[in-house]
Amino acid sequence: MKILVCISNVPDTTTKIVFTPDGKSLNKQGVQFVINPYDEWYALVRALELKEAKGSGSVTLMHVGPAENEAMIRKGLAIGADDAVRIDLDPSDAYAAAEQISAYAKDKGFDLILAGKETIDHNGSLVGGMIAEMLQLPYVSLASKLDVNGAVATLECDIDGGTATVECSLPAVVSCQKGMAEARIPNMRGIMAARTKPLTVVPAANPSSLTSVDTYTPSEGRKAVKMIDASNMDELVALLHNEAKVI
């Protein structure tokens, strides 16, 4: 089984977000970047588990990004992936990333393409579905369980009020969320092996995008809670009319 795992480079969850003076991008000065947790903990680890259970196959990492992200890719190789591909493009949006991944994967014979359900910076949850559409493959989103038997994948997805069990034929694209696998920490042997594992750099193929950033605006942050006495209905109504915001 050949599995492609898409990984993204995101700021560590403890990072204090600061934007550039023009408000158009993240100020990366001093920011620690990591593999997107949904990609690493669930998509990558489940891919490795499927390969190990079968006793054969390969797990390839795919990243669309600049050379400075290769340390992050090497961590994925240290966890257990066999090889990696970096497409040399800093994508401006989800479409740009999905387009490059699809262009590379279309003739490589992958049985599964896995990605995290979303990145923790943009929270768009778009790339997996776009890849599936571009490659005309079945797509299952928000999967919390994945098993493969021959050419059929069985998945569980959380839905309102319960869980849906679905089947689809391979090849397919799946976005993975909590429950899919347990996080792994790279050991010393994996770290040493990652240094020599293949990391192929591919030029971008006619890159394009559908969106552009006007400005980013930091959130206002949490405000103090106002406690209203249960008997003071008039004050509560006035606050709801004048200060409360509908999100």
C-alpha atoms as a PDB file:
ATOM      1  CA  MET A   1       0.000   0.000   0.000  1.00  0.00           C
ATOM      2  CA  LYS A   2       1.293   3.422  -0.976  1.00  0.00           C
ATOM      3  CA  ILE A   3       0.161   6.205   1.333  1.00  0.00           C
ATOM      4  CA  LEU A   4       0.731   9.932   0.873  1.00  0.00           C
ATOM      5  CA  VAL A   5       0.505  12.082   4.008  1.00  0.00           C
ATOM      6  CA  CYS A   6       0.152  15.839   3.556  1.00  0.00           C
ATOM      7  CA  ILE A   7       1.819  17.898   6.278  1.00  0.00           C
ATOM      8  CA  SER A   8       1.748  21.612   6.955  1.00  0.00           C
ATOM      9  CA  ASN A   9       4.060  23.935   8.859  1.00  0.00           C
ATOM     10  CA  VAL A  10       2.268  25.883  11.631  1.00  0.00           C
ATOM     11  CA  PRO A  11       3.248  28.059  14.605  1.00  0.00           C
ATOM     12  CA  ASP A  12       3.545  26.233  17.911  1.00  0.00           C
ATOM     13  CA  THR A  13       0.351  26.540  19.949  1.00  0.00           C
ATOM     14  CA  THR A  14       2.167  28.611  22.600  1.00  0.00           C
ATOM     15  CA  THR A  15       3.234  31.239  20.057  1.00  0.00           C
ATOM     16  CA  LYS A  16       2.163  34.814  20.621  1.00  0.00           C
ATOM     17  CA  ILE A  17       0.763  35.904  17.272  1.00  0.00           C
ATOM     18  CA  VAL A  18       2.084  39.214  15.937  1.00  0.00           C
ATOM     19  CA  PHE A  19       1.512  40.525  12.411  1.00  0.00           C
ATOM     20  CA  THR A  20       3.786  42.564  10.186  1.00  0.00           C
ATOM     21  CA  PRO A  21       3.242  46.362  10.174  1.00  0.00           C
ATOM     22  CA  ASP A  22       1.191  46.194   6.956  1.00  0.00           C
ATOM     23  CA  GLY A  23      -1.060  43.533   8.521  1.00  0.00           C
ATOM     24  CA  LYS A  24      -0.702  41.182   5.571  1.00  0.00           C
ATOM     25  CA  SER A  25       1.311  38.343   7.112  1.00  0.00           C
ATOM     26  CA  LEU A  26       2.518  36.731  10.304  1.00  0.00           C
ATOM     27  CA  ASN A  27       5.690  38.170  11.802  1.00  0.00           C
ATOM     28  CA  LYS A  28       7.845  35.029  11.910  1.00  0.00           C
ATOM     29  CA  GLN A  29      10.622  36.558  14.001  1.00  0.00           C
ATOM     30  CA  GLY A  30      11.231  34.260  16.955  1.00  0.00           C
ATOM     31  CA  VAL A  31       8.307  31.972  16.117  1.00  0.00           C
ATOM     32  CA  GLN A  32       8.747  28.212  16.680  1.00  0.00           C
ATOM     33  CA  PHE A  33       7.133  26.179  13.891  1.00  0.00           C
ATOM     34  CA  VAL A  34       5.944  22.565  14.154  1.00  0.00           C
ATOM     35  CA  ILE A  35       4.149  19.963  12.059  1.00  0.00           C
ATOM     36  CA  ASN A  36       0.433  20.656  12.139  1.00  0.00           C
ATOM     37  CA  PRO A  37      -0.781  18.401  15.005  1.00  0.00           C
ATOM     38  CA  TYR A  38      -3.709  16.929  13.053  1.00  0.00           C
ATOM     39  CA  ASP A  39      -1.302  15.955  10.257  1.00  0.00           C
ATOM     40  CA  GLU A  40       1.321  14.508  12.602  1.00  0.00           C
ATOM     41  CA  TRP A  41      -0.618  12.873  15.419  1.00  0.00           C
ATOM     42  CA  TYR A  42      -3.447  11.393  13.385  1.00  0.00           C
ATOM     43  CA  ALA A  43      -2.772  11.264   9.621  1.00  0.00           C
ATOM     44  CA  LEU A  44       0.912  10.318   9.758  1.00  0.00           C
ATOM     45  CA  VAL A  45       0.713   7.932  12.694  1.00  0.00           C
ATOM     46  CA  ARG A  46      -2.338   6.104  11.273  1.00  0.00           C
ATOM     47  CA  ALA A  47      -0.538   5.756   7.937  1.00  0.00           C
ATOM     48  CA  LEU A  48       2.405   4.151   9.743  1.00  0.00           C
ATOM     49  CA  GLU A  49       0.081   1.825  11.659  1.00  0.00           C
ATOM     50  CA  LEU A  50      -1.582   0.675   8.440  1.00  0.00           C
ATOM     51  CA  LYS A  51       1.800  -0.019   6.844  1.00  0.00           C
ATOM     52  CA  GLU A  52       3.016  -1.901   9.919  1.00  0.00           C
ATOM     53  CA  ALA A  53      -0.148  -4.001  10.099  1.00  0.00           C
ATOM     54  CA  LYS A  54       0.209  -5.009   6.466  1.00  0.00           C
ATOM     55  CA  GLY A  55       3.943  -5.607   6.766  1.00  0.00           C
ATOM     56  CA  SER A  56       4.696  -3.813   3.513  1.00  0.00           C
ATOM     57  CA  GLY A  57       4.088  -0.613   1.627  1.00  0.00           C
ATOM     58  CA  SER A  58       5.387   2.934   1.941  1.00  0.00           C
ATOM     59  CA  VAL A  59       4.493   6.209   3.607  1.00  0.00           C
ATOM     60  CA  THR A  60       5.499   9.384   1.771  1.00  0.00           C
ATOM     61  CA  LEU A  61       5.307  12.858   3.277  1.00  0.00           C
ATOM     62  CA  MET A  62       4.161  15.727   1.092  1.00  0.00           C
ATOM     63  CA  HIS A  63       4.755  19.379   1.957  1.00  0.00           C
ATOM     64  CA  VAL A  64       4.218  22.515  -0.068  1.00  0.00           C
ATOM     65  CA  GLY A  65       6.588  25.131   1.319  1.00  0.00           C
ATOM     66  CA  PRO A  66      10.028  26.787   1.237  1.00  0.00           C
ATOM     67  CA  ALA A  67      13.385  25.205   2.086  1.00  0.00           C
ATOM     68  CA  GLU A  68      13.316  26.627   5.623  1.00  0.00           C
ATOM     69  CA  ASN A  69      10.586  24.081   6.460  1.00  0.00           C
ATOM     70  CA  GLU A  70      12.773  21.038   5.819  1.00  0.00           C
ATOM     71  CA  ALA A  71      13.643  20.585   9.499  1.00  0.00           C
ATOM     72  CA  MET A  72       9.951  20.062  10.134  1.00  0.00           C
ATOM     73  CA  ILE A  73       9.784  17.499   7.320  1.00  0.00           C
ATOM     74  CA  ARG A  74      12.764  15.641   8.797  1.00  0.00           C
ATOM     75  CA  LYS A  75      10.836  15.261  12.051  1.00  0.00           C
ATOM     76  CA  GLY A  76       8.104  13.454  10.125  1.00  0.00           C
ATOM     77  CA  LEU A  77      10.745  11.169   8.646  1.00  0.00           C
ATOM     78  CA  ALA A  78      12.106  10.551  12.147  1.00  0.00           C
ATOM     79  CA  ILE A  79       8.653   9.445  13.310  1.00  0.00           C
ATOM     80  CA  GLY A  80       8.720   6.759  10.632  1.00  0.00           C
ATOM     81  CA  ALA A  81       7.824   7.963   7.132  1.00  0.00           C
ATOM     82  CA  ASP A  82       9.902   6.385   4.370  1.00  0.00           C
ATOM     83  CA  ASP A  83      10.554   9.430   2.223  1.00  0.00           C
ATOM     84  CA  ALA A  84       9.332  12.955   1.613  1.00  0.00           C
ATOM     85  CA  VAL A  85       8.591  15.392  -1.170  1.00  0.00           C
ATOM     86  CA  ARG A  86       8.736  19.158  -0.809  1.00  0.00           C
ATOM     87  CA  ILE A  87       7.161  21.265  -3.514  1.00  0.00           C
ATOM     88  CA  ASP A  88       9.152  24.480  -3.682  1.00  0.00           C
ATOM     89  CA  LEU A  89       6.373  27.021  -3.242  1.00  0.00           C
ATOM     90  CA  ASP A  90       5.152  29.124  -0.341  1.00  0.00           C
ATOM     91  CA  PRO A  91       1.397  28.699  -0.983  1.00  0.00           C
ATOM     92  CA  SER A  92      -0.789  31.763  -0.671  1.00  0.00           C
ATOM     93  CA  ASP A  93      -3.968  29.801   0.059  1.00  0.00           C
ATOM     94  CA  ALA A  94      -5.450  26.311   0.386  1.00  0.00           C
ATOM     95  CA  TYR A  95      -6.156  26.073  -3.334  1.00  0.00           C
ATOM     96  CA  ALA A  96      -2.517  26.700  -4.206  1.00  0.00           C
ATOM     97  CA  ALA A  97      -1.394  23.901  -1.870  1.00  0.00           C
ATOM     98  CA  ALA A  98      -4.045  21.437  -3.061  1.00  0.00           C
ATOM     99  CA  GLU A  99      -3.275  22.179  -6.705  1.00  0.00           C
ATOM    100  CA  GLN A 100       0.421  21.378  -6.259  1.00  0.00           C
ATOM    101  CA  ILE A 101      -0.223  18.194  -4.260  1.00  0.00           C
ATOM    102  CA  SER A 102      -2.735  16.974  -6.843  1.00  0.00           C
ATOM    103  CA  ALA A 103      -0.411  17.705  -9.745  1.00  0.00           C
ATOM    104  CA  TYR A 104       2.321  15.638  -8.116  1.00  0.00           C
ATOM    105  CA  ALA A 105       0.119  12.752  -6.925  1.00  0.00           C
ATOM    106  CA  LYS A 106      -2.023  12.228 -10.020  1.00  0.00           C
ATOM    107  CA  ASP A 107       0.240   9.619 -11.654  1.00  0.00           C
ATOM    108  CA  LYS A 108       2.089   8.199  -8.623  1.00  0.00           C
ATOM    109  CA  GLY A 109      -0.341   5.386  -7.787  1.00  0.00           C
ATOM    110  CA  PHE A 110      -1.096   6.289  -4.169  1.00  0.00           C
ATOM    111  CA  ASP A 111      -3.760   4.115  -2.559  1.00  0.00           C
ATOM    112  CA  LEU A 112      -4.501   6.629   0.208  1.00  0.00           C
ATOM    113  CA  ILE A 113      -3.963  10.340   0.615  1.00  0.00           C
ATOM    114  CA  LEU A 114      -4.263  11.431   4.245  1.00  0.00           C
ATOM    115  CA  ALA A 115      -4.294  14.889   5.794  1.00  0.00           C
ATOM    116  CA  GLY A 116      -5.280  16.395   9.095  1.00  0.00           C
ATOM    117  CA  LYS A 117      -8.825  17.722   9.293  1.00  0.00           C
ATOM    118  CA  GLU A 118      -7.462  21.302   9.323  1.00  0.00           C
ATOM    119  CA  THR A 119      -4.406  23.353  10.202  1.00  0.00           C
ATOM    120  CA  ILE A 120      -4.338  25.001  13.609  1.00  0.00           C
ATOM    121  CA  ASP A 121      -3.415  28.404  12.168  1.00  0.00           C
ATOM    122  CA  HIS A 122      -6.037  28.974   9.450  1.00  0.00           C
ATOM    123  CA  ASN A 123      -8.569  26.283  10.506  1.00  0.00           C
ATOM    124  CA  GLY A 124      -9.879  26.167   6.947  1.00  0.00           C
ATOM    125  CA  SER A 125     -10.418  22.414   6.523  1.00  0.00           C
ATOM    126  CA  LEU A 126     -10.192  22.869   2.752  1.00  0.00           C
ATOM    127  CA  VAL A 127      -7.132  21.116   1.332  1.00  0.00           C
ATOM    128  CA  GLY A 128      -8.324  17.505   1.621  1.00  0.00           C
ATOM    129  CA  GLY A 129     -11.596  18.127  -0.187  1.00  0.00           C
ATOM    130  CA  MET A 130      -9.874  20.141  -2.892  1.00  0.00           C
ATOM    131  CA  ILE A 131      -7.338  17.367  -3.520  1.00  0.00           C
ATOM    132  CA  ALA A 132     -10.128  14.798  -3.823  1.00  0.00           C
ATOM    133  CA  GLU A 133     -12.017  16.968  -6.308  1.00  0.00           C
ATOM    134  CA  MET A 134      -8.938  17.681  -8.403  1.00  0.00           C
ATOM    135  CA  LEU A 135      -8.042  13.983  -8.554  1.00  0.00           C
ATOM    136  CA  GLN A 136     -11.677  12.850  -8.853  1.00  0.00           C
ATOM    137  CA  LEU A 137     -11.343  10.519  -5.858  1.00  0.00           C
ATOM    138  CA  PRO A 138     -13.718   9.595  -3.029  1.00  0.00           C
ATOM    139  CA  TYR A 139     -13.378  11.889  -0.019  1.00  0.00           C
ATOM    140  CA  VAL A 140     -14.202  11.223   3.638  1.00  0.00           C
ATOM    141  CA  SER A 141     -13.783  14.149   6.022  1.00  0.00           C
ATOM    142  CA  LEU A 142     -13.411  14.302   9.807  1.00  0.00           C
ATOM    143  CA  ALA A 143     -12.630  10.599  10.120  1.00  0.00           C
ATOM    144  CA  SER A 144     -11.807   9.347  13.616  1.00  0.00           C
ATOM    145  CA  LYS A 145     -11.177   5.723  12.611  1.00  0.00           C
ATOM    146  CA  LEU A 146      -9.743   4.142   9.472  1.00  0.00           C
ATOM    147  CA  ASP A 147      -9.259   0.502   8.544  1.00  0.00           C
ATOM    148  CA  VAL A 148      -8.342  -0.969   5.177  1.00  0.00           C
ATOM    149  CA  ASN A 149      -9.266  -4.396   3.861  1.00  0.00           C
ATOM    150  CA  GLY A 150      -7.990  -5.000   0.361  1.00  0.00           C
ATOM    151  CA  ALA A 151      -9.250  -2.204  -1.847  1.00  0.00           C
ATOM    152  CA  VAL A 152     -11.934  -1.016   0.578  1.00  0.00           C
ATOM    153  CA  ALA A 153     -11.572   1.483   3.419  1.00  0.00           C
ATOM    154  CA  THR A 154     -13.933   1.484   6.383  1.00  0.00           C
ATOM    155  CA  LEU A 155     -14.125   4.716   8.335  1.00  0.00           C
ATOM    156  CA  GLU A 156     -15.931   6.218  11.285  1.00  0.00           C
ATOM    157  CA  CYS A 157     -16.843   9.901  11.327  1.00  0.00           C
ATOM    158  CA  ASP A 158     -18.347  11.912  14.162  1.00  0.00           C
ATOM    159  CA  ILE A 159     -21.704  13.455  13.293  1.00  0.00           C
ATOM    160  CA  ASP A 160     -24.304  15.343  15.304  1.00  0.00           C
ATOM    161  CA  GLY A 161     -25.740  12.924  17.818  1.00  0.00           C
ATOM    162  CA  GLY A 162     -23.588   9.937  16.947  1.00  0.00           C
ATOM    163  CA  THR A 163     -21.082   8.258  14.659  1.00  0.00           C
ATOM    164  CA  ALA A 164     -21.374   7.365  10.978  1.00  0.00           C
ATOM    165  CA  THR A 165     -19.635   4.287   9.572  1.00  0.00           C
ATOM    166  CA  VAL A 166     -18.852   4.547   5.871  1.00  0.00           C
ATOM    167  CA  GLU A 167     -17.052   2.492   3.252  1.00  0.00           C
ATOM    168  CA  CYS A 168     -15.305   3.655   0.116  1.00  0.00           C
ATOM    169  CA  SER A 169     -13.129   2.091  -2.531  1.00  0.00           C
ATOM    170  CA  LEU A 170      -9.456   2.941  -2.841  1.00  0.00           C
ATOM    171  CA  PRO A 171      -7.775   5.125  -3.901  1.00  0.00           C
ATOM    172  CA  ALA A 172      -9.330   7.773  -1.678  1.00  0.00           C
ATOM    173  CA  VAL A 173      -8.605  10.964   0.240  1.00  0.00           C
ATOM    174  CA  VAL A 174      -9.282  11.170   3.987  1.00  0.00           C
ATOM    175  CA  SER A 175      -9.036  14.016   6.491  1.00  0.00           C
ATOM    176  CA  CYS A 176      -8.178  12.793   9.982  1.00  0.00           C
ATOM    177  CA  GLN A 177      -9.142  14.017  13.414  1.00  0.00           C
ATOM    178  CA  LYS A 178      -8.792  13.038  17.073  1.00  0.00           C
ATOM    179  CA  GLY A 179      -9.300   9.328  17.674  1.00  0.00           C
ATOM    180  CA  MET A 180      -7.556   8.178  14.504  1.00  0.00           C
ATOM    181  CA  ALA A 181      -4.286   7.311  16.305  1.00  0.00           C
ATOM    182  CA  GLU A 182      -2.080   8.100  19.279  1.00  0.00           C
ATOM    183  CA  ALA A 183       0.805  10.527  18.893  1.00  0.00           C
ATOM    184  CA  ARG A 184       4.322   9.111  18.553  1.00  0.00           C
ATOM    185  CA  ILE A 185       7.583  10.655  19.683  1.00  0.00           C
ATOM    186  CA  PRO A 186      10.604  10.075  17.420  1.00  0.00           C
ATOM    187  CA  ASN A 187      13.305   7.988  19.076  1.00  0.00           C
ATOM    188  CA  MET A 188      17.047   8.361  18.592  1.00  0.00           C
ATOM    189  CA  ARG A 189      17.187   5.624  15.972  1.00  0.00           C
ATOM    190  CA  GLY A 190      14.459   7.360  13.983  1.00  0.00           C
ATOM    191  CA  ILE A 191      16.170  10.725  14.276  1.00  0.00           C
ATOM    192  CA  MET A 192      19.452   9.311  12.987  1.00  0.00           C
ATOM    193  CA  ALA A 193      17.724   7.454  10.132  1.00  0.00           C
ATOM    194  CA  ALA A 194      15.824  10.585   9.087  1.00  0.00           C
ATOM    195  CA  ARG A 195      19.084  12.284   8.121  1.00  0.00           C
ATOM    196  CA  THR A 196      19.594   9.915   5.184  1.00  0.00           C
ATOM    197  CA  LYS A 197      16.006   9.302   4.084  1.00  0.00           C
ATOM    198  CA  PRO A 198      15.153  10.730   0.651  1.00  0.00           C
ATOM    199  CA  LEU A 199      13.709  14.252   0.583  1.00  0.00           C
ATOM    200  CA  THR A 200      12.939  15.209  -2.992  1.00  0.00           C
ATOM    201  CA  VAL A 201      12.427  18.856  -3.950  1.00  0.00           C
ATOM    202  CA  VAL A 202      10.028  19.430  -6.833  1.00  0.00           C
ATOM    203  CA  PRO A 203       9.506  22.787  -8.582  1.00  0.00           C
ATOM    204  CA  ALA A 204       6.018  24.225  -8.438  1.00  0.00           C
ATOM    205  CA  ALA A 205       3.805  23.393 -11.413  1.00  0.00           C
ATOM    206  CA  ASN A 206       2.103  26.524 -12.788  1.00  0.00           C
ATOM    207  CA  PRO A 207       1.096  27.853  -9.352  1.00  0.00           C
ATOM    208  CA  SER A 208      -2.119  29.797  -8.926  1.00  0.00           C
ATOM    209  CA  SER A 209      -4.440  30.864  -6.130  1.00  0.00           C
ATOM    210  CA  LEU A 210      -8.037  31.922  -5.662  1.00  0.00           C
ATOM    211  CA  THR A 211      -7.720  34.293  -2.719  1.00  0.00           C
ATOM    212  CA  SER A 212      -5.454  36.981  -1.342  1.00  0.00           C
ATOM    213  CA  VAL A 213      -5.061  38.533   2.091  1.00  0.00           C
ATOM    214  CA  ASP A 214      -6.198  42.100   2.605  1.00  0.00           C
ATOM    215  CA  THR A 215      -5.251  42.400   6.281  1.00  0.00           C
ATOM    216  CA  TYR A 216      -5.069  40.295   9.424  1.00  0.00           C
ATOM    217  CA  THR A 217      -6.487  41.811  12.602  1.00  0.00           C
ATOM    218  CA  PRO A 218      -5.608  40.446  16.052  1.00  0.00           C
ATOM    219  CA  SER A 219      -8.559  39.329  18.154  1.00  0.00           C
ATOM    220  CA  GLU A 220      -9.631  41.561  21.015  1.00  0.00           C
ATOM    221  CA  GLY A 221      -8.871  38.824  23.508  1.00  0.00           C
ATOM    222  CA  ARG A 222     -10.939  37.824  26.489  1.00  0.00           C
ATOM    223  CA  LYS A 223     -12.776  40.488  28.430  1.00  0.00           C
ATOM    224  CA  ALA A 224     -13.866  40.506  32.030  1.00  0.00           C
ATOM    225  CA  VAL A 225     -17.176  38.806  32.738  1.00  0.00           C
ATOM    226  CA  LYS A 226     -19.994  41.032  33.928  1.00  0.00           C
ATOM    227  CA  MET A 227     -22.098  39.445  36.630  1.00  0.00           C
ATOM    228  CA  ILE A 228     -25.711  40.641  36.679  1.00  0.00           C
ATOM    229  CA  ASP A 229     -27.923  40.093  39.664  1.00  0.00           C
ATOM    230  CA  ALA A 230     -30.794  37.745  38.839  1.00  0.00           C
ATOM    231  CA  SER A 231     -33.292  40.363  39.967  1.00  0.00           C
ATOM    232  CA  ASN A 232     -31.890  43.099  37.692  1.00  0.00           C
ATOM    233  CA  MET A 233     -33.555  42.163  34.412  1.00  0.00           C
ATOM    234  CA  ASP A 234     -33.490  45.702  33.017  1.00  0.00           C
ATOM    235  CA  GLU A 235     -29.698  45.921  33.230  1.00  0.00           C
ATOM    236  CA  LEU A 236     -29.330  42.531  31.551  1.00  0.00           C
ATOM    237  CA  VAL A 237     -31.625  43.534  28.676  1.00  0.00           C
ATOM    238  CA  ALA A 238     -29.756  46.837  28.222  1.00  0.00           C
ATOM    239  CA  LEU A 239     -26.383  45.045  28.047  1.00  0.00           C
ATOM    240  CA  LEU A 240     -27.688  42.551  25.525  1.00  0.00           C
ATOM    241  CA  HIS A 241     -28.933  45.356  23.320  1.00  0.00           C
ATOM    242  CA  ASN A 242     -25.965  47.673  23.607  1.00  0.00           C
ATOM    243  CA  GLU A 243     -22.843  45.563  24.267  1.00  0.00           C
ATOM    244  CA  ALA A 244     -23.423  41.942  23.326  1.00  0.00           C
ATOM    245  CA  LYS A 245     -22.047  40.834  19.934  1.00  0.00           C
ATOM    246  CA  VAL A 246     -23.386  38.037  17.832  1.00  0.00           C
ATOM    247  CA  ILE A 247     -20.556  35.886  16.477  1.00  0.00           C
END
